[in-house]
């Protein structure tokens, strides 16, 4: 008798789990479930793109500040490169 009750309880638990999994899969494949999954993916991508955009904007601002520091004319002086490399000097002398 105890064995039969054990099998009955195990069968009921297994059946309940199977019904739960079936309903979950059915809900995921419904139009609303598909829309929820797509919306979740899009929001993740949107967040990643926002972070990338912020990082790129910071890098551009830093680069622009560096270029302005190097090449912007100061009071009473004309704009010249801050660091004149040997390659640049050779190129300039070859053009003359």
Protein backbone atom coordinates (compact mmCIF):
# COMPACT_ATOMS: atom_id res chain seq x y z
CA UNK A 1 0.00 0.00 0.00
CA UNK A 2 2.81 2.40 0.86
CA UNK A 3 4.53 1.66 -2.45
CA UNK A 4 1.37 2.53 -4.38
CA UNK A 5 1.03 5.85 -2.53
CA UNK A 6 4.67 6.62 -3.29
CA UNK A 7 4.10 5.94 -7.01
CA UNK A 8 0.89 7.99 -6.93
CA UNK A 9 2.69 10.97 -5.34
CA UNK A 10 5.62 10.67 -7.75
CA UNK A 11 3.23 10.48 -10.73
CA UNK A 12 1.28 13.53 -9.53
CA UNK A 13 4.50 15.53 -9.03
CA UNK A 14 5.82 14.48 -12.42
CA UNK A 15 2.49 15.31 -14.07
CA UNK A 16 2.36 18.70 -12.37
CA UNK A 17 5.89 19.47 -13.50
CA UNK A 18 5.08 18.39 -17.08
CA UNK A 19 1.98 20.62 -17.14
CA UNK A 20 4.00 23.51 -15.74
CA UNK A 21 6.70 23.11 -18.42
CA UNK A 22 4.09 22.79 -21.17
CA UNK A 23 2.30 25.97 -20.07
CA UNK A 24 5.58 27.81 -19.82
CA UNK A 25 6.58 26.76 -23.35
CA UNK A 26 3.12 27.63 -24.67
CA UNK A 27 3.32 31.07 -23.06
CA UNK A 28 6.82 31.64 -24.50
CA UNK A 29 5.63 30.78 -28.02
CA UNK A 30 2.55 32.98 -27.87
CA UNK A 31 2.69 36.38 -29.59
CA UNK A 32 2.89 38.14 -26.22
CA UNK A 33 5.70 35.86 -25.03
CA UNK A 34 7.68 36.40 -28.22
CA UNK A 35 7.16 40.16 -27.94
CA UNK A 36 8.40 40.11 -24.34
CA UNK A 37 11.56 38.23 -25.34
CA UNK A 38 12.26 40.56 -28.26
CA UNK A 39 11.60 43.60 -26.08
CA UNK A 40 14.05 42.29 -23.50
CA UNK A 41 16.75 41.76 -26.11
CA UNK A 42 16.18 45.18 -27.66
CA UNK A 43 16.41 46.90 -24.29
CA UNK A 44 19.70 45.10 -23.59
CA UNK A 45 21.10 46.19 -26.96
CA UNK A 46 19.83 49.71 -26.41
CA UNK A 47 21.66 49.90 -23.08
CA UNK A 48 24.86 48.54 -24.61
CA UNK A 49 24.68 51.02 -27.48
CA UNK A 50 24.06 53.88 -25.04
CA UNK A 51 27.19 52.90 -23.07
CA UNK A 52 29.21 52.62 -26.28
CA UNK A 53 27.99 56.04 -27.40
CA UNK A 54 28.97 57.59 -24.06
CA UNK A 55 32.42 55.98 -24.19
CA UNK A 56 32.98 57.17 -27.75
CA UNK A 57 31.83 60.70 -26.90
CA UNK A 58 34.28 60.80 -23.97
CA UNK A 59 37.12 59.58 -26.20
CA UNK A 60 36.28 62.18 -28.86
CA UNK A 61 36.20 64.97 -26.25
CA UNK A 62 39.57 63.86 -24.87
CA UNK A 63 41.09 63.68 -28.34
CA UNK A 64 39.67 67.08 -29.26
CA UNK A 65 41.08 68.62 -26.08
CA UNK A 66 44.49 67.13 -26.86
CA UNK A 67 44.40 68.43 -30.42
CA UNK A 68 43.36 71.87 -29.26
CA UNK A 69 46.13 71.86 -26.66
CA UNK A 70 48.69 70.92 -29.30
CA UNK A 71 47.62 72.92 -32.32
CA UNK A 72 45.47 75.86 -31.19
CA UNK A 73 47.26 79.19 -31.56
CA UNK A 74 48.19 80.86 -28.31
CA UNK A 75 48.30 84.61 -27.77
CA UNK A 76 50.93 86.22 -29.93
CA UNK A 77 52.06 82.97 -31.56
CA UNK A 78 51.05 81.16 -34.68
CA UNK A 79 49.79 77.58 -34.51
CA UNK A 80 52.59 75.01 -34.69
CA UNK A 81 52.67 71.34 -33.81
CA UNK A 82 53.72 70.67 -30.25
CA UNK A 83 55.87 67.69 -31.19
CA UNK A 84 57.75 67.77 -34.48
CA UNK A 85 58.87 64.27 -35.38
CA UNK A 86 61.82 63.41 -37.61
CA UNK A 87 59.47 61.98 -40.24
CA UNK A 88 57.50 65.25 -40.37
CA UNK A 89 60.70 67.29 -40.67
CA UNK A 90 61.94 65.04 -43.48
CA UNK A 91 58.63 65.31 -45.30
CA UNK A 92 58.61 69.10 -44.97
CA UNK A 93 62.20 69.44 -46.20
CA UNK A 94 61.45 67.15 -49.16
CA UNK A 95 58.51 69.34 -50.19
CA UNK A 96 60.67 72.46 -50.32
